[in-house]
Amino acid sequence: MMTAARAERLGLARRVYPVAYAEIANFNGADQTPDITETGFSVVGPEAVAKAGLTAAEIQQFHPYDDFLVAVMLQLEQIGFCPRGHGSQFLRDSDLSPAGDLPINTGGGQIGAGQPGLAGGGLNLVEAVRQLMGEAGARQVPNPKNAMVTGIGVIPYGRNWCSSNVLILAN
């Protein structure tokens, strides 16, 4: 990680830039009986996409924090990749492979790596950067221009994640 000016001075041609970020902590923290399927991604997903000047349909690859399949489905719905309640149908109908409609966690995600604890969030970020730099080998997404990476933090009893964040990268 460095400034664009330093990368230029060093002659680094391949670069990845953060173009949008949004985060929320303590989502619905005061609600005593929250809907556990409602997450902070309903706020920060659309916010990050708007900051990037994109729509969810223009995101080329998605690297969500995927400790559980339901986490991926809720993020797809609440960020705007598909309507609410249609996450499972979206997953069934979409090609999620590197050459597909919406490549998801092309490096295997946390589920593929055994959810490596605190390194979990970094796993998907590294894969997104590899993709955008064209260094993903056999799992390379064709002509990558952008990628979305998400993170989840703290699961308090009786409600959903306390922290949700979305980062959009571009090359």
C-alpha atoms as a PDB file:
ATOM      1  CA  MET A   1       0.000   0.000   0.000  1.00  0.00           C
ATOM      2  CA  MET A   2       1.386   3.394  -1.022  1.00  0.00           C
ATOM      3  CA  THR A   3       0.464   6.628  -2.701  1.00  0.00           C
ATOM      4  CA  ALA A   4      -0.136   6.701  -6.449  1.00  0.00           C
ATOM      5  CA  ALA A   5       2.822   9.081  -6.817  1.00  0.00           C
ATOM      6  CA  ARG A   6       5.180   6.621  -5.115  1.00  0.00           C
ATOM      7  CA  ALA A   7       3.887   3.730  -7.231  1.00  0.00           C
ATOM      8  CA  GLU A   8       4.562   5.801 -10.328  1.00  0.00           C
ATOM      9  CA  ARG A   9       8.080   6.654  -9.148  1.00  0.00           C
ATOM     10  CA  LEU A  10       8.742   2.957  -8.560  1.00  0.00           C
ATOM     11  CA  GLY A  11       7.466   2.100 -12.031  1.00  0.00           C
ATOM     12  CA  LEU A  12       4.588  -0.046 -10.805  1.00  0.00           C
ATOM     13  CA  ALA A  13       2.127  -0.258 -13.679  1.00  0.00           C
ATOM     14  CA  ARG A  14      -0.551  -2.430 -12.070  1.00  0.00           C
ATOM     15  CA  ARG A  15      -2.446  -0.599  -9.369  1.00  0.00           C
ATOM     16  CA  VAL A  16      -5.605  -1.050  -7.344  1.00  0.00           C
ATOM     17  CA  TYR A  17      -7.404   1.885  -5.760  1.00  0.00           C
ATOM     18  CA  PRO A  18     -10.080   2.069  -3.073  1.00  0.00           C
ATOM     19  CA  VAL A  19     -12.934   4.032  -4.660  1.00  0.00           C
ATOM     20  CA  ALA A  20     -15.606   3.770  -1.968  1.00  0.00           C
ATOM     21  CA  TYR A  21     -15.990   2.637   1.620  1.00  0.00           C
ATOM     22  CA  ALA A  22     -18.849   2.593   4.099  1.00  0.00           C
ATOM     23  CA  GLU A  23     -19.129   1.106   7.580  1.00  0.00           C
ATOM     24  CA  ILE A  24     -21.699   0.978  10.336  1.00  0.00           C
ATOM     25  CA  ALA A  25     -21.230  -0.228  13.897  1.00  0.00           C
ATOM     26  CA  ASN A  26     -23.884  -1.080  16.484  1.00  0.00           C
ATOM     27  CA  PHE A  27     -26.553  -1.482  13.794  1.00  0.00           C
ATOM     28  CA  ASN A  28     -29.986  -1.485  15.471  1.00  0.00           C
ATOM     29  CA  GLY A  29     -28.187  -1.674  18.821  1.00  0.00           C
ATOM     30  CA  ALA A  30     -31.017  -0.049  20.758  1.00  0.00           C
ATOM     31  CA  ASP A  31     -33.726  -2.313  19.321  1.00  0.00           C
ATOM     32  CA  GLN A  32     -34.657  -4.858  22.010  1.00  0.00           C
ATOM     33  CA  THR A  33     -36.336  -7.252  19.557  1.00  0.00           C
ATOM     34  CA  PRO A  34     -34.533  -6.806  16.244  1.00  0.00           C
ATOM     35  CA  ASP A  35     -35.172  -8.697  13.046  1.00  0.00           C
ATOM     36  CA  ILE A  36     -32.040 -10.864  12.908  1.00  0.00           C
ATOM     37  CA  THR A  37     -32.201 -10.957   9.109  1.00  0.00           C
ATOM     38  CA  GLU A  38     -31.791  -7.167   8.885  1.00  0.00           C
ATOM     39  CA  THR A  39     -28.165  -6.085   8.829  1.00  0.00           C
ATOM     40  CA  GLY A  40     -26.079  -2.968   8.456  1.00  0.00           C
ATOM     41  CA  PHE A  41     -25.448  -3.957   4.841  1.00  0.00           C
ATOM     42  CA  SER A  42     -28.868  -2.492   4.060  1.00  0.00           C
ATOM     43  CA  VAL A  43     -27.302   0.888   4.916  1.00  0.00           C
ATOM     44  CA  VAL A  44     -23.639   0.630   3.934  1.00  0.00           C
ATOM     45  CA  GLY A  45     -24.050  -1.473   0.790  1.00  0.00           C
ATOM     46  CA  PRO A  46     -26.137   1.054  -1.141  1.00  0.00           C
ATOM     47  CA  GLU A  47     -24.024   3.884   0.350  1.00  0.00           C
ATOM     48  CA  ALA A  48     -20.714   2.449  -0.904  1.00  0.00           C
ATOM     49  CA  VAL A  49     -22.161   1.614  -4.319  1.00  0.00           C
ATOM     50  CA  ALA A  50     -23.466   5.191  -4.660  1.00  0.00           C
ATOM     51  CA  LYS A  51     -20.133   6.661  -3.512  1.00  0.00           C
ATOM     52  CA  ALA A  52     -18.407   4.647  -6.246  1.00  0.00           C
ATOM     53  CA  GLY A  53     -20.852   6.031  -8.818  1.00  0.00           C
ATOM     54  CA  LEU A  54     -22.038   2.516  -9.659  1.00  0.00           C
ATOM     55  CA  THR A  55     -25.077   0.296  -9.322  1.00  0.00           C
ATOM     56  CA  ALA A  56     -24.900  -3.147  -7.746  1.00  0.00           C
ATOM     57  CA  ALA A  57     -25.348  -4.618 -11.243  1.00  0.00           C
ATOM     58  CA  GLU A  58     -22.099  -2.895 -12.300  1.00  0.00           C
ATOM     59  CA  ILE A  59     -20.023  -4.614  -9.611  1.00  0.00           C
ATOM     60  CA  GLN A  60     -17.967  -7.195 -11.513  1.00  0.00           C
ATOM     61  CA  GLN A  61     -16.974  -9.436  -8.639  1.00  0.00           C
ATOM     62  CA  PHE A  62     -18.103  -9.877  -5.057  1.00  0.00           C
ATOM     63  CA  HIS A  63     -15.860 -11.037  -2.215  1.00  0.00           C
ATOM     64  CA  PRO A  64     -18.188 -11.151   0.791  1.00  0.00           C
ATOM     65  CA  TYR A  65     -17.326 -12.150   4.317  1.00  0.00           C
ATOM     66  CA  ASP A  66     -18.754 -15.646   4.080  1.00  0.00           C
ATOM     67  CA  ASP A  67     -18.581 -17.393   7.405  1.00  0.00           C
ATOM     68  CA  PHE A  68     -22.060 -18.827   6.675  1.00  0.00           C
ATOM     69  CA  LEU A  69     -24.066 -19.130   3.447  1.00  0.00           C
ATOM     70  CA  VAL A  70     -26.897 -17.078   4.918  1.00  0.00           C
ATOM     71  CA  ALA A  71     -24.402 -14.219   5.355  1.00  0.00           C
ATOM     72  CA  VAL A  72     -23.780 -14.190   1.603  1.00  0.00           C
ATOM     73  CA  MET A  73     -27.512 -14.296   0.809  1.00  0.00           C
ATOM     74  CA  LEU A  74     -28.347 -11.444   3.185  1.00  0.00           C
ATOM     75  CA  GLN A  75     -25.541  -9.322   1.746  1.00  0.00           C
ATOM     76  CA  LEU A  76     -26.647  -9.993  -1.849  1.00  0.00           C
ATOM     77  CA  GLU A  77     -30.170  -8.899  -0.992  1.00  0.00           C
ATOM     78  CA  GLN A  78     -29.371  -5.913   1.210  1.00  0.00           C
ATOM     79  CA  ILE A  79     -26.606  -4.470  -0.965  1.00  0.00           C
ATOM     80  CA  GLY A  80     -28.924  -4.622  -3.970  1.00  0.00           C
ATOM     81  CA  PHE A  81     -27.677  -7.456  -6.172  1.00  0.00           C
ATOM     82  CA  CYS A  82     -31.163  -8.982  -6.011  1.00  0.00           C
ATOM     83  CA  PRO A  83     -34.525  -8.176  -4.384  1.00  0.00           C
ATOM     84  CA  ARG A  84     -35.144  -9.003  -0.728  1.00  0.00           C
ATOM     85  CA  GLY A  85     -36.171 -12.593  -0.240  1.00  0.00           C
ATOM     86  CA  HIS A  86     -34.631 -13.670  -3.560  1.00  0.00           C
ATOM     87  CA  GLY A  87     -31.059 -14.404  -2.448  1.00  0.00           C
ATOM     88  CA  SER A  88     -31.320 -18.170  -2.767  1.00  0.00           C
ATOM     89  CA  GLN A  89     -32.944 -17.891  -6.202  1.00  0.00           C
ATOM     90  CA  PHE A  90     -30.238 -15.428  -7.283  1.00  0.00           C
ATOM     91  CA  LEU A  91     -27.550 -17.888  -6.180  1.00  0.00           C
ATOM     92  CA  ARG A  92     -29.262 -20.746  -8.038  1.00  0.00           C
ATOM     93  CA  ASP A  93     -29.741 -18.712 -11.237  1.00  0.00           C
ATOM     94  CA  SER A  94     -26.335 -17.011 -11.372  1.00  0.00           C
ATOM     95  CA  ASP A  95     -23.002 -18.277 -12.596  1.00  0.00           C
ATOM     96  CA  LEU A  96     -20.725 -17.457  -9.642  1.00  0.00           C
ATOM     97  CA  SER A  97     -17.555 -18.797 -11.270  1.00  0.00           C
ATOM     98  CA  PRO A  98     -14.677 -16.509 -12.294  1.00  0.00           C
ATOM     99  CA  ALA A  99     -16.108 -16.325 -15.834  1.00  0.00           C
ATOM    100  CA  GLY A 100     -19.706 -15.981 -14.641  1.00  0.00           C
ATOM    101  CA  ASP A 101     -22.366 -13.338 -14.118  1.00  0.00           C
ATOM    102  CA  LEU A 102     -21.124 -12.376 -10.656  1.00  0.00           C
ATOM    103  CA  PRO A 103     -17.943 -14.133  -9.539  1.00  0.00           C
ATOM    104  CA  ILE A 104     -18.164 -14.667  -5.784  1.00  0.00           C
ATOM    105  CA  ASN A 105     -15.119 -15.384  -3.594  1.00  0.00           C
ATOM    106  CA  THR A 106     -13.029 -16.693  -6.458  1.00  0.00           C
ATOM    107  CA  GLY A 107     -10.262 -17.700  -4.056  1.00  0.00           C
ATOM    108  CA  GLY A 108     -12.596 -19.910  -2.043  1.00  0.00           C
ATOM    109  CA  GLY A 109     -13.482 -17.359   0.630  1.00  0.00           C
ATOM    110  CA  GLN A 110     -13.415 -18.199   4.290  1.00  0.00           C
ATOM    111  CA  ILE A 111     -15.532 -21.275   3.806  1.00  0.00           C
ATOM    112  CA  GLY A 112     -12.846 -22.637   1.447  1.00  0.00           C
ATOM    113  CA  ALA A 113     -10.036 -21.685   3.839  1.00  0.00           C
ATOM    114  CA  GLY A 114     -11.629 -22.910   7.042  1.00  0.00           C
ATOM    115  CA  GLN A 115     -12.513 -19.428   8.351  1.00  0.00           C
ATOM    116  CA  PRO A 116      -9.012 -18.469   9.496  1.00  0.00           C
ATOM    117  CA  GLY A 117     -10.053 -16.346  12.468  1.00  0.00           C
ATOM    118  CA  LEU A 118      -8.877 -12.745  12.443  1.00  0.00           C
ATOM    119  CA  ALA A 119      -7.250 -13.229   9.022  1.00  0.00           C
ATOM    120  CA  GLY A 120     -10.658 -13.994   7.523  1.00  0.00           C
ATOM    121  CA  GLY A 121     -11.468 -10.513   6.324  1.00  0.00           C
ATOM    122  CA  GLY A 122      -8.030 -10.060   4.803  1.00  0.00           C
ATOM    123  CA  LEU A 123      -8.364 -13.274   2.818  1.00  0.00           C
ATOM    124  CA  ASN A 124     -11.055 -11.845   0.531  1.00  0.00           C
ATOM    125  CA  LEU A 125      -9.309  -8.485   0.227  1.00  0.00           C
ATOM    126  CA  VAL A 126      -6.109 -10.172  -0.994  1.00  0.00           C
ATOM    127  CA  GLU A 127      -8.103 -12.160  -3.559  1.00  0.00           C
ATOM    128  CA  ALA A 128      -9.857  -9.032  -4.845  1.00  0.00           C
ATOM    129  CA  VAL A 129      -6.498  -7.277  -5.288  1.00  0.00           C
ATOM    130  CA  ARG A 130      -5.043 -10.332  -7.062  1.00  0.00           C
ATOM    131  CA  GLN A 131      -8.023 -10.349  -9.411  1.00  0.00           C
ATOM    132  CA  LEU A 132      -7.761  -6.650 -10.192  1.00  0.00           C
ATOM    133  CA  MET A 133      -4.031  -6.961 -10.828  1.00  0.00           C
ATOM    134  CA  GLY A 134      -4.561  -9.943 -13.138  1.00  0.00           C
ATOM    135  CA  GLU A 135      -2.637 -12.313 -10.857  1.00  0.00           C
ATOM    136  CA  ALA A 136      -5.308 -14.902 -10.028  1.00  0.00           C
ATOM    137  CA  GLY A 137      -4.135 -17.625 -12.412  1.00  0.00           C
ATOM    138  CA  ALA A 138      -6.747 -20.215 -13.405  1.00  0.00           C
ATOM    139  CA  ARG A 139      -9.444 -18.432 -11.404  1.00  0.00           C
ATOM    140  CA  GLN A 140      -8.847 -15.039 -13.086  1.00  0.00           C
ATOM    141  CA  VAL A 141     -11.947 -12.938 -13.798  1.00  0.00           C
ATOM    142  CA  PRO A 142     -11.796 -11.697 -17.417  1.00  0.00           C
ATOM    143  CA  ASN A 143     -11.109  -7.947 -17.792  1.00  0.00           C
ATOM    144  CA  PRO A 144     -11.644  -6.991 -14.140  1.00  0.00           C
ATOM    145  CA  LYS A 145     -12.365  -3.315 -13.499  1.00  0.00           C
ATOM    146  CA  ASN A 146     -13.817  -3.376  -9.967  1.00  0.00           C
ATOM    147  CA  ALA A 147     -14.476  -5.594  -6.975  1.00  0.00           C
ATOM    148  CA  MET A 148     -16.504  -5.369  -3.782  1.00  0.00           C
ATOM    149  CA  VAL A 149     -15.180  -6.750  -0.494  1.00  0.00           C
ATOM    150  CA  THR A 150     -17.243  -6.882   2.693  1.00  0.00           C
ATOM    151  CA  GLY A 151     -16.583  -7.453   6.359  1.00  0.00           C
ATOM    152  CA  ILE A 152     -18.670  -8.451   9.351  1.00  0.00           C
ATOM    153  CA  GLY A 153     -17.836  -7.992  12.999  1.00  0.00           C
ATOM    154  CA  VAL A 154     -19.283  -9.036  16.337  1.00  0.00           C
ATOM    155  CA  ILE A 155     -22.371 -11.199  16.489  1.00  0.00           C
ATOM    156  CA  PRO A 156     -24.196 -10.261  19.709  1.00  0.00           C
ATOM    157  CA  TYR A 157     -26.757 -12.610  21.175  1.00  0.00           C
ATOM    158  CA  GLY A 158     -30.255 -12.280  19.711  1.00  0.00           C
ATOM    159  CA  ARG A 159     -29.442  -9.975  16.798  1.00  0.00           C
ATOM    160  CA  ASN A 160     -27.326  -9.811  13.678  1.00  0.00           C
ATOM    161  CA  TRP A 161     -23.848  -8.386  13.122  1.00  0.00           C
ATOM    162  CA  CYS A 162     -22.853  -5.261  15.067  1.00  0.00           C
ATOM    163  CA  SER A 163     -20.472  -4.106  12.357  1.00  0.00           C
ATOM    164  CA  SER A 164     -20.866  -4.237   8.585  1.00  0.00           C
ATOM    165  CA  ASN A 165     -18.466  -2.711   6.077  1.00  0.00           C
ATOM    166  CA  VAL A 166     -18.154  -2.485   2.310  1.00  0.00           C
ATOM    167  CA  LEU A 167     -15.069  -1.590   0.270  1.00  0.00           C
ATOM    168  CA  ILE A 168     -15.101  -1.103  -3.490  1.00  0.00           C
ATOM    169  CA  LEU A 169     -11.803  -1.330  -5.339  1.00  0.00           C
ATOM    170  CA  ALA A 170     -10.958  -0.458  -8.945  1.00  0.00           C
ATOM    171  CA  ASN A 171      -7.918  -0.653 -11.157  1.00  0.00           C
END
